[in-house]
Amino acid sequence: MTESQTLRLRIVEEINRLPDDKLQKASELLKLLTAGNGNTAQPATKADHNPLLDYIGGVSHGSLSANLDEELYGE
């Protein structure tokens, strides 16, 4: 048996020993590990996606903050 096969068996044994309440977390961790292999371009779960990242640069107009100090500080 190869070292890789032995390691896979040990991982399966560890998963089988997990209590039921830990299985979901183990599944999420495995998805994170496999997501880097090009299997998916989307985040592993919807909770992993941050909608603010889609908005970066949405307010890039330079004059939005012009003369703001006077309004804020009365200067």
PDB file of N, CA and C in Angstrom:
ATOM      1  N   MET A   1       0.847  -1.167   0.000  1.00  0.00           N
ATOM      2  CA  MET A   1       0.000   0.000   0.000  1.00  0.00           C
ATOM      3  C   MET A   1       0.902   1.241   0.000  1.00  0.00           C
ATOM      4  N   THR A   2       0.558   2.212  -0.846  1.00  0.00           N
ATOM      5  CA  THR A   2       1.372   3.421  -0.934  1.00  0.00           C
ATOM      6  C   THR A   2       1.115   4.341   0.252  1.00  0.00           C
ATOM      7  N   GLU A   3       2.005   5.283   0.428  1.00  0.00           N
ATOM      8  CA  GLU A   3       1.850   6.258   1.515  1.00  0.00           C
ATOM      9  C   GLU A   3       0.565   7.067   1.334  1.00  0.00           C
ATOM     10  N   SER A   4       0.250   7.398   0.103  1.00  0.00           N
ATOM     11  CA  SER A   4      -0.967   8.149  -0.200  1.00  0.00           C
ATOM     12  C   SER A   4      -2.216   7.343   0.170  1.00  0.00           C
ATOM     13  N   GLN A   5      -2.216   6.069  -0.155  1.00  0.00           N
ATOM     14  CA  GLN A   5      -3.361   5.217   0.177  1.00  0.00           C
ATOM     15  C   GLN A   5      -3.515   5.076   1.685  1.00  0.00           C
ATOM     16  N   THR A   6      -2.408   4.942   2.385  1.00  0.00           N
ATOM     17  CA  THR A   6      -2.439   4.838   3.844  1.00  0.00           C
ATOM     18  C   THR A   6      -3.011   6.110   4.457  1.00  0.00           C
ATOM     19  N   LEU A   7      -2.585   7.244   3.928  1.00  0.00           N
ATOM     20  CA  LEU A   7      -3.080   8.514   4.433  1.00  0.00           C
ATOM     21  C   LEU A   7      -4.579   8.661   4.180  1.00  0.00           C
ATOM     22  N   ARG A   8      -5.027   8.260   3.007  1.00  0.00           N
ATOM     23  CA  ARG A   8      -6.460   8.327   2.703  1.00  0.00           C
ATOM     24  C   ARG A   8      -7.268   7.458   3.678  1.00  0.00           C
ATOM     25  N   LEU A   9      -6.775   6.284   3.978  1.00  0.00           N
ATOM     26  CA  LEU A   9      -7.458   5.401   4.927  1.00  0.00           C
ATOM     27  C   LEU A   9      -7.514   6.022   6.318  1.00  0.00           C
ATOM     28  N   ARG A  10      -6.415   6.656   6.734  1.00  0.00           N
ATOM     29  CA  ARG A  10      -6.398   7.305   8.046  1.00  0.00           C
ATOM     30  C   ARG A  10      -7.401   8.449   8.102  1.00  0.00           C
ATOM     31  N   ILE A  11      -7.496   9.195   7.017  1.00  0.00           N
ATOM     32  CA  ILE A  11      -8.457  10.307   6.968  1.00  0.00           C
ATOM     33  C   ILE A  11      -9.885   9.787   7.072  1.00  0.00           C
ATOM     34  N   VAL A  12     -10.183   8.724   6.336  1.00  0.00           N
ATOM     35  CA  VAL A  12     -11.523   8.132   6.389  1.00  0.00           C
ATOM     36  C   VAL A  12     -11.820   7.635   7.802  1.00  0.00           C
ATOM     37  N   GLU A  13     -10.845   7.013   8.447  1.00  0.00           N
ATOM     38  CA  GLU A  13     -11.038   6.530   9.814  1.00  0.00           C
ATOM     39  C   GLU A  13     -11.332   7.691  10.765  1.00  0.00           C
ATOM     40  N   GLU A  14     -10.617   8.785  10.602  1.00  0.00           N
ATOM     41  CA  GLU A  14     -10.842   9.954  11.448  1.00  0.00           C
ATOM     42  C   GLU A  14     -12.240  10.535  11.217  1.00  0.00           C
ATOM     43  N   ILE A  15     -12.655  10.594   9.971  1.00  0.00           N
ATOM     44  CA  ILE A  15     -13.997  11.098   9.654  1.00  0.00           C
ATOM     45  C   ILE A  15     -15.050  10.191  10.282  1.00  0.00           C
ATOM     46  N   ASN A  16     -14.850   8.893  10.221  1.00  0.00           N
ATOM     47  CA  ASN A  16     -15.814   7.952  10.805  1.00  0.00           C
ATOM     48  C   ASN A  16     -15.920   8.096  12.318  1.00  0.00           C
ATOM     49  N   ARG A  17     -14.879   8.610  12.948  1.00  0.00           N
ATOM     50  CA  ARG A  17     -14.901   8.805  14.400  1.00  0.00           C
ATOM     51  C   ARG A  17     -15.531  10.128  14.824  1.00  0.00           C
ATOM     52  N   LEU A  18     -15.768  11.003  13.874  1.00  0.00           N
ATOM     53  CA  LEU A  18     -16.344  12.300  14.218  1.00  0.00           C
ATOM     54  C   LEU A  18     -17.780  12.158  14.717  1.00  0.00           C
ATOM     55  N   PRO A  19     -18.139  12.960  15.721  1.00  0.00           N
ATOM     56  CA  PRO A  19     -19.546  12.973  16.137  1.00  0.00           C
ATOM     57  C   PRO A  19     -20.382  13.642  15.039  1.00  0.00           C
ATOM     58  N   ASP A  20     -21.649  13.330  15.005  1.00  0.00           N
ATOM     59  CA  ASP A  20     -22.533  13.834  13.952  1.00  0.00           C
ATOM     60  C   ASP A  20     -22.509  15.353  13.840  1.00  0.00           C
ATOM     61  N   ASP A  21     -22.406  16.047  14.969  1.00  0.00           N
ATOM     62  CA  ASP A  21     -22.444  17.505  14.931  1.00  0.00           C
ATOM     63  C   ASP A  21     -21.183  18.115  14.307  1.00  0.00           C
ATOM     64  N   LYS A  22     -20.149  17.351  14.084  1.00  0.00           N
ATOM     65  CA  LYS A  22     -18.914  17.845  13.464  1.00  0.00           C
ATOM     66  C   LYS A  22     -18.822  17.506  11.972  1.00  0.00           C
ATOM     67  N   LEU A  23     -19.723  16.677  11.476  1.00  0.00           N
ATOM     68  CA  LEU A  23     -19.644  16.237  10.079  1.00  0.00           C
ATOM     69  C   LEU A  23     -19.826  17.386   9.087  1.00  0.00           C
ATOM     70  N   GLN A  24     -20.736  18.314   9.375  1.00  0.00           N
ATOM     71  CA  GLN A  24     -20.961  19.442   8.468  1.00  0.00           C
ATOM     72  C   GLN A  24     -19.701  20.284   8.347  1.00  0.00           C
ATOM     73  N   LYS A  25     -19.055  20.553   9.465  1.00  0.00           N
ATOM     74  CA  LYS A  25     -17.812  21.343   9.446  1.00  0.00           C
ATOM     75  C   LYS A  25     -16.730  20.611   8.663  1.00  0.00           C
ATOM     76  N   ALA A  26     -16.625  19.297   8.841  1.00  0.00           N
ATOM     77  CA  ALA A  26     -15.636  18.507   8.104  1.00  0.00           C
ATOM     78  C   ALA A  26     -15.917  18.582   6.605  1.00  0.00           C
ATOM     79  N   SER A  27     -17.173  18.521   6.228  1.00  0.00           N
ATOM     80  CA  SER A  27     -17.549  18.618   4.823  1.00  0.00           C
ATOM     81  C   SER A  27     -17.156  19.974   4.247  1.00  0.00           C
ATOM     82  N   GLU A  28     -17.391  21.048   5.006  1.00  0.00           N
ATOM     83  CA  GLU A  28     -17.027  22.389   4.553  1.00  0.00           C
ATOM     84  C   GLU A  28     -15.520  22.524   4.377  1.00  0.00           C
ATOM     85  N   LEU A  29     -14.760  21.961   5.308  1.00  0.00           N
ATOM     86  CA  LEU A  29     -13.305  22.023   5.210  1.00  0.00           C
ATOM     87  C   LEU A  29     -12.793  21.267   3.985  1.00  0.00           C
ATOM     88  N   LEU A  30     -13.388  20.114   3.710  1.00  0.00           N
ATOM     89  CA  LEU A  30     -12.983  19.352   2.535  1.00  0.00           C
ATOM     90  C   LEU A  30     -13.313  20.108   1.252  1.00  0.00           C
ATOM     91  N   LYS A  31     -14.456  20.793   1.224  1.00  0.00           N
ATOM     92  CA  LYS A  31     -14.809  21.601   0.053  1.00  0.00           C
ATOM     93  C   LYS A  31     -13.803  22.717  -0.165  1.00  0.00           C
ATOM     94  N   LEU A  32     -13.367  23.347   0.932  1.00  0.00           N
ATOM     95  CA  LEU A  32     -12.367  24.405   0.815  1.00  0.00           C
ATOM     96  C   LEU A  32     -11.054  23.868   0.252  1.00  0.00           C
ATOM     97  N   LEU A  33     -10.670  22.695   0.696  1.00  0.00           N
ATOM     98  CA  LEU A  33      -9.426  22.097   0.218  1.00  0.00           C
ATOM     99  C   LEU A  33      -9.495  21.727  -1.258  1.00  0.00           C
ATOM    100  N   THR A  34     -10.647  21.251  -1.699  1.00  0.00           N
ATOM    101  CA  THR A  34     -10.767  20.829  -3.091  1.00  0.00           C
ATOM    102  C   THR A  34     -11.098  21.980  -4.022  1.00  0.00           C
ATOM    103  N   ALA A  35     -11.579  23.102  -3.501  1.00  0.00           N
ATOM    104  CA  ALA A  35     -11.943  24.246  -4.342  1.00  0.00           C
ATOM    105  C   ALA A  35     -10.725  24.820  -5.047  1.00  0.00           C
ATOM    106  N   GLY A  36      -9.556  24.694  -4.484  1.00  0.00           N
ATOM    107  CA  GLY A  36      -8.344  25.237  -5.091  1.00  0.00           C
ATOM    108  C   GLY A  36      -7.832  24.427  -6.266  1.00  0.00           C
ATOM    109  N   ASN A  37      -8.457  23.319  -6.584  1.00  0.00           N
ATOM    110  CA  ASN A  37      -7.992  22.464  -7.671  1.00  0.00           C
ATOM    111  C   ASN A  37      -8.625  22.797  -9.008  1.00  0.00           C
ATOM    112  N   GLY A  38      -9.319  23.934  -9.107  1.00  0.00           N
ATOM    113  CA  GLY A  38      -9.962  24.311 -10.345  1.00  0.00           C
ATOM    114  C   GLY A  38     -11.270  23.595 -10.583  1.00  0.00           C
ATOM    115  N   ASN A  39     -11.799  22.940  -9.557  1.00  0.00           N
ATOM    116  CA  ASN A  39     -13.058  22.222  -9.712  1.00  0.00           C
ATOM    117  C   ASN A  39     -14.242  23.163  -9.849  1.00  0.00           C
ATOM    118  N   THR A  40     -14.119  24.361  -9.295  1.00  0.00           N
ATOM    119  CA  THR A  40     -15.234  25.298  -9.333  1.00  0.00           C
ATOM    120  C   THR A  40     -14.716  26.723  -9.334  1.00  0.00           C
ATOM    121  N   ALA A  41     -15.387  27.588 -10.058  1.00  0.00           N
ATOM    122  CA  ALA A  41     -15.021  28.994 -10.064  1.00  0.00           C
ATOM    123  C   ALA A  41     -15.836  29.758  -9.033  1.00  0.00           C
ATOM    124  N   GLN A  42     -16.873  29.148  -8.500  1.00  0.00           N
ATOM    125  CA  GLN A  42     -17.751  29.769  -7.529  1.00  0.00           C
ATOM    126  C   GLN A  42     -17.264  29.447  -6.121  1.00  0.00           C
ATOM    127  N   PRO A  43     -17.610  30.294  -5.144  1.00  0.00           N
ATOM    128  CA  PRO A  43     -17.278  29.977  -3.754  1.00  0.00           C
ATOM    129  C   PRO A  43     -17.917  28.655  -3.339  1.00  0.00           C
ATOM    130  N   ALA A  44     -17.326  27.984  -2.351  1.00  0.00           N
ATOM    131  CA  ALA A  44     -17.821  26.688  -1.910  1.00  0.00           C
ATOM    132  C   ALA A  44     -19.256  26.775  -1.406  1.00  0.00           C
ATOM    133  N   THR A  45     -19.572  27.836  -0.675  1.00  0.00           N
ATOM    134  CA  THR A  45     -20.935  28.029  -0.213  1.00  0.00           C
ATOM    135  C   THR A  45     -21.307  29.489  -0.393  1.00  0.00           C
ATOM    136  N   LYS A  46     -22.585  29.766  -0.371  1.00  0.00           N
ATOM    137  CA  LYS A  46     -23.048  31.138  -0.532  1.00  0.00           C
ATOM    138  C   LYS A  46     -22.519  32.016   0.605  1.00  0.00           C
ATOM    139  N   ALA A  47     -22.363  31.457   1.784  1.00  0.00           N
ATOM    140  CA  ALA A  47     -21.865  32.221   2.927  1.00  0.00           C
ATOM    141  C   ALA A  47     -20.428  32.687   2.710  1.00  0.00           C
ATOM    142  N   ASP A  48     -19.673  32.011   1.850  1.00  0.00           N
ATOM    143  CA  ASP A  48     -18.293  32.392   1.586  1.00  0.00           C
ATOM    144  C   ASP A  48     -18.197  33.602   0.670  1.00  0.00           C
ATOM    145  N   HIS A  49     -19.267  33.932  -0.024  1.00  0.00           N
ATOM    146  CA  HIS A  49     -19.240  35.035  -0.977  1.00  0.00           C
ATOM    147  C   HIS A  49     -19.545  36.346  -0.261  1.00  0.00           C
ATOM    148  N   ASN A  50     -18.699  37.359  -0.469  1.00  0.00           N
ATOM    149  CA  ASN A  50     -18.898  38.661   0.133  1.00  0.00           C
ATOM    150  C   ASN A  50     -19.372  39.626  -0.939  1.00  0.00           C
ATOM    151  N   PRO A  51     -20.642  40.075  -0.891  1.00  0.00           N
ATOM    152  CA  PRO A  51     -21.167  40.955  -1.937  1.00  0.00           C
ATOM    153  C   PRO A  51     -20.455  42.296  -2.007  1.00  0.00           C
ATOM    154  N   LEU A  52     -19.787  42.710  -0.929  1.00  0.00           N
ATOM    155  CA  LEU A  52     -19.043  43.969  -0.982  1.00  0.00           C
ATOM    156  C   LEU A  52     -17.888  43.890  -1.969  1.00  0.00           C
ATOM    157  N   LEU A  53     -17.345  42.699  -2.168  1.00  0.00           N
ATOM    158  CA  LEU A  53     -16.255  42.547  -3.133  1.00  0.00           C
ATOM    159  C   LEU A  53     -16.731  42.837  -4.552  1.00  0.00           C
ATOM    160  N   ASP A  54     -18.012  42.603  -4.833  1.00  0.00           N
ATOM    161  CA  ASP A  54     -18.561  42.911  -6.155  1.00  0.00           C
ATOM    162  C   ASP A  54     -18.691  44.416  -6.371  1.00  0.00           C
ATOM    163  N   TYR A  55     -18.756  45.179  -5.290  1.00  0.00           N
ATOM    164  CA  TYR A  55     -19.004  46.606  -5.380  1.00  0.00           C
ATOM    165  C   TYR A  55     -17.728  47.441  -5.378  1.00  0.00           C
ATOM    166  N   ILE A  56     -16.597  46.831  -5.166  1.00  0.00           N
ATOM    167  CA  ILE A  56     -15.339  47.581  -5.114  1.00  0.00           C
ATOM    168  C   ILE A  56     -15.191  48.402  -6.386  1.00  0.00           C
ATOM    169  N   GLY A  57     -14.931  49.675  -6.207  1.00  0.00           N
ATOM    170  CA  GLY A  57     -14.785  50.581  -7.339  1.00  0.00           C
ATOM    171  C   GLY A  57     -16.100  51.179  -7.796  1.00  0.00           C
ATOM    172  N   GLY A  58     -17.212  50.808  -7.176  1.00  0.00           N
ATOM    173  CA  GLY A  58     -18.518  51.320  -7.570  1.00  0.00           C
ATOM    174  C   GLY A  58     -18.661  52.815  -7.342  1.00  0.00           C
ATOM    175  N   VAL A  59     -17.946  53.337  -6.366  1.00  0.00           N
ATOM    176  CA  VAL A  59     -17.973  54.772  -6.089  1.00  0.00           C
ATOM    177  C   VAL A  59     -16.560  55.291  -6.301  1.00  0.00           C
ATOM    178  N   SER A  60     -16.215  55.498  -7.538  1.00  0.00           N
ATOM    179  CA  SER A  60     -14.863  55.957  -7.839  1.00  0.00           C
ATOM    180  C   SER A  60     -14.847  57.369  -8.409  1.00  0.00           C
ATOM    181  N   HIS A  61     -15.954  58.093  -8.262  1.00  0.00           N
ATOM    182  CA  HIS A  61     -16.029  59.456  -8.765  1.00  0.00           C
ATOM    183  C   HIS A  61     -15.244  60.353  -7.824  1.00  0.00           C
ATOM    184  N   GLY A  62     -14.272  61.076  -8.329  1.00  0.00           N
ATOM    185  CA  GLY A  62     -13.358  61.856  -7.508  1.00  0.00           C
ATOM    186  C   GLY A  62     -13.987  63.036  -6.795  1.00  0.00           C
ATOM    187  N   SER A  63     -15.061  63.615  -7.307  1.00  0.00           N
ATOM    188  CA  SER A  63     -15.605  64.825  -6.691  1.00  0.00           C
ATOM    189  C   SER A  63     -16.598  64.543  -5.579  1.00  0.00           C
ATOM    190  N   LEU A  64     -16.842  63.298  -5.261  1.00  0.00           N
ATOM    191  CA  LEU A  64     -17.796  63.000  -4.194  1.00  0.00           C
ATOM    192  C   LEU A  64     -17.351  63.538  -2.840  1.00  0.00           C
ATOM    193  N   SER A  65     -16.057  63.618  -2.627  1.00  0.00           N
ATOM    194  CA  SER A  65     -15.563  64.103  -1.339  1.00  0.00           C
ATOM    195  C   SER A  65     -14.966  65.504  -1.432  1.00  0.00           C
ATOM    196  N   ALA A  66     -15.178  66.191  -2.549  1.00  0.00           N
ATOM    197  CA  ALA A  66     -14.648  67.546  -2.696  1.00  0.00           C
ATOM    198  C   ALA A  66     -15.314  68.470  -1.685  1.00  0.00           C
ATOM    199  N   ASN A  67     -14.513  69.303  -1.037  1.00  0.00           N
ATOM    200  CA  ASN A  67     -14.985  70.285  -0.054  1.00  0.00           C
ATOM    201  C   ASN A  67     -15.725  69.638   1.116  1.00  0.00           C
ATOM    202  N   LEU A  68     -15.419  68.437   1.420  1.00  0.00           N
ATOM    203  CA  LEU A  68     -16.088  67.733   2.502  1.00  0.00           C
ATOM    204  C   LEU A  68     -15.659  68.241   3.874  1.00  0.00           C
ATOM    205  N   ASP A  69     -14.405  68.673   3.992  1.00  0.00           N
ATOM    206  CA  ASP A  69     -13.916  69.164   5.286  1.00  0.00           C
ATOM    207  C   ASP A  69     -14.742  70.334   5.790  1.00  0.00           C
ATOM    208  N   GLU A  70     -15.089  71.232   4.907  1.00  0.00           N
ATOM    209  CA  GLU A  70     -15.864  72.394   5.321  1.00  0.00           C
ATOM    210  C   GLU A  70     -17.236  71.973   5.862  1.00  0.00           C
ATOM    211  N   GLU A  71     -17.858  71.008   5.191  1.00  0.00           N
ATOM    212  CA  GLU A  71     -19.158  70.521   5.644  1.00  0.00           C
ATOM    213  C   GLU A  71     -19.060  69.802   6.979  1.00  0.00           C
ATOM    214  N   LEU A  72     -17.996  69.008   7.130  1.00  0.00           N
ATOM    215  CA  LEU A  72     -17.841  68.225   8.358  1.00  0.00           C
ATOM    216  C   LEU A  72     -17.355  69.049   9.545  1.00  0.00           C
ATOM    217  N   TYR A  73     -16.374  69.916   9.295  1.00  0.00           N
ATOM    218  CA  TYR A  73     -15.684  70.584  10.397  1.00  0.00           C
ATOM    219  C   TYR A  73     -15.938  72.091  10.444  1.00  0.00           C
ATOM    220  N   GLY A  74     -16.672  72.615   9.466  1.00  0.00           N
ATOM    221  CA  GLY A  74     -16.962  74.034   9.454  1.00  0.00           C
ATOM    222  C   GLY A  74     -15.756  74.899   9.158  1.00  0.00           C
ATOM    223  N   GLU A  75     -14.770  74.364   8.518  1.00  0.00           N
ATOM    224  CA  GLU A  75     -13.540  75.113   8.208  1.00  0.00           C
ATOM    225  C   GLU A  75     -13.616  75.763   6.867  1.00  0.00           C
TER     226      GLU A  75
END
